[in-house]
Amino acid sequence: MALSDAEIGMFSINLKKTITGFFLEKKQAGEPGYTLEMNDSTLATMLLTSHPESLDDKSPDGYV
């Protein structure tokens, strides 16, 4: 089933809110290297170059 442009737009907005919330939690916890001042290009590059091995191993497949 294909998604409509509106559904893709809402997914994009919700994903950005989720990622912003993640960065805010990390920043408030005092963890270094997390900033909310990233632009979309920097954030996309970071997400696309992340490796599952770098995530906390809290599930059998290595994803959080």
C-alpha atoms as a PDB file:
ATOM      1  CA  MET A   1       0.000   0.000   0.000  1.00  0.00           C
ATOM      2  CA  ALA A   2       1.441   3.341  -1.035  1.00  0.00           C
ATOM      3  CA  LEU A   3       1.478   6.281   1.322  1.00  0.00           C
ATOM      4  CA  SER A   4      -0.082   9.567   0.311  1.00  0.00           C
ATOM      5  CA  ASP A   5       1.936  12.789   0.321  1.00  0.00           C
ATOM      6  CA  ALA A   6       0.065  13.859   3.471  1.00  0.00           C
ATOM      7  CA  GLU A   7       0.958  10.609   5.262  1.00  0.00           C
ATOM      8  CA  ILE A   8       4.610  10.939   4.268  1.00  0.00           C
ATOM      9  CA  GLY A   9       4.584  14.549   5.473  1.00  0.00           C
ATOM     10  CA  MET A  10       3.109  13.575   8.851  1.00  0.00           C
ATOM     11  CA  PHE A  11       5.615  10.730   9.199  1.00  0.00           C
ATOM     12  CA  SER A  12       8.442  13.166   8.503  1.00  0.00           C
ATOM     13  CA  ILE A  13       7.142  15.671  11.067  1.00  0.00           C
ATOM     14  CA  ASN A  14       6.668  12.985  13.725  1.00  0.00           C
ATOM     15  CA  LEU A  15      10.111  11.513  13.049  1.00  0.00           C
ATOM     16  CA  LYS A  16      11.720  14.924  13.455  1.00  0.00           C
ATOM     17  CA  LYS A  17       9.845  15.445  16.758  1.00  0.00           C
ATOM     18  CA  THR A  18      11.009  12.036  17.996  1.00  0.00           C
ATOM     19  CA  ILE A  19      14.632  12.712  17.079  1.00  0.00           C
ATOM     20  CA  THR A  20      14.510  16.184  18.637  1.00  0.00           C
ATOM     21  CA  GLY A  21      13.113  14.651  21.839  1.00  0.00           C
ATOM     22  CA  PHE A  22      15.908  12.068  21.867  1.00  0.00           C
ATOM     23  CA  PHE A  23      18.571  14.768  21.531  1.00  0.00           C
ATOM     24  CA  LEU A  24      16.897  16.881  24.214  1.00  0.00           C
ATOM     25  CA  GLU A  25      16.913  13.940  26.659  1.00  0.00           C
ATOM     26  CA  LYS A  26      20.593  13.244  25.974  1.00  0.00           C
ATOM     27  CA  LYS A  27      21.503  16.920  26.333  1.00  0.00           C
ATOM     28  CA  GLN A  28      19.564  17.253  29.604  1.00  0.00           C
ATOM     29  CA  ALA A  29      21.287  14.118  30.925  1.00  0.00           C
ATOM     30  CA  GLY A  30      24.604  15.860  30.306  1.00  0.00           C
ATOM     31  CA  GLU A  31      25.864  13.452  27.678  1.00  0.00           C
ATOM     32  CA  PRO A  32      28.476  15.080  25.424  1.00  0.00           C
ATOM     33  CA  GLY A  33      28.083  15.408  21.667  1.00  0.00           C
ATOM     34  CA  TYR A  34      24.331  15.955  21.489  1.00  0.00           C
ATOM     35  CA  THR A  35      23.134  19.296  20.193  1.00  0.00           C
ATOM     36  CA  LEU A  36      19.760  20.570  19.061  1.00  0.00           C
ATOM     37  CA  GLU A  37      21.408  23.066  16.719  1.00  0.00           C
ATOM     38  CA  MET A  38      21.892  20.500  13.928  1.00  0.00           C
ATOM     39  CA  ASN A  39      20.379  21.322  10.560  1.00  0.00           C
ATOM     40  CA  ASP A  40      18.456  18.709   8.566  1.00  0.00           C
ATOM     41  CA  SER A  41      21.446  17.875   6.353  1.00  0.00           C
ATOM     42  CA  THR A  42      23.759  17.207   9.311  1.00  0.00           C
ATOM     43  CA  LEU A  43      21.109  15.131  11.052  1.00  0.00           C
ATOM     44  CA  ALA A  44      20.393  13.087   7.916  1.00  0.00           C
ATOM     45  CA  THR A  45      24.105  12.428   7.396  1.00  0.00           C
ATOM     46  CA  MET A  46      24.503  11.316  11.000  1.00  0.00           C
ATOM     47  CA  LEU A  47      21.502   8.985  10.828  1.00  0.00           C
ATOM     48  CA  LEU A  48      22.547   7.475   7.495  1.00  0.00           C
ATOM     49  CA  THR A  49      26.115   6.813   8.639  1.00  0.00           C
ATOM     50  CA  SER A  50      25.203   5.310  12.029  1.00  0.00           C
ATOM     51  CA  HIS A  51      25.916   1.640  12.532  1.00  0.00           C
ATOM     52  CA  PRO A  52      23.701  -0.701  14.584  1.00  0.00           C
ATOM     53  CA  GLU A  53      26.832  -1.899  16.411  1.00  0.00           C
ATOM     54  CA  SER A  54      27.138   1.571  17.948  1.00  0.00           C
ATOM     55  CA  LEU A  55      23.753   1.299  19.659  1.00  0.00           C
ATOM     56  CA  ASP A  56      23.230  -0.084  23.137  1.00  0.00           C
ATOM     57  CA  ASP A  57      22.637  -3.816  22.823  1.00  0.00           C
ATOM     58  CA  LYS A  58      19.314  -3.981  24.635  1.00  0.00           C
ATOM     59  CA  SER A  59      17.567  -6.299  22.226  1.00  0.00           C
ATOM     60  CA  PRO A  60      18.534  -9.572  20.521  1.00  0.00           C
ATOM     61  CA  ASP A  61      19.010  -7.979  17.097  1.00  0.00           C
ATOM     62  CA  GLY A  62      21.195  -5.141  18.426  1.00  0.00           C
ATOM     63  CA  TYR A  63      18.646  -2.374  17.962  1.00  0.00           C
ATOM     64  CA  VAL A  64      17.233  -0.351  20.839  1.00  0.00           C
END
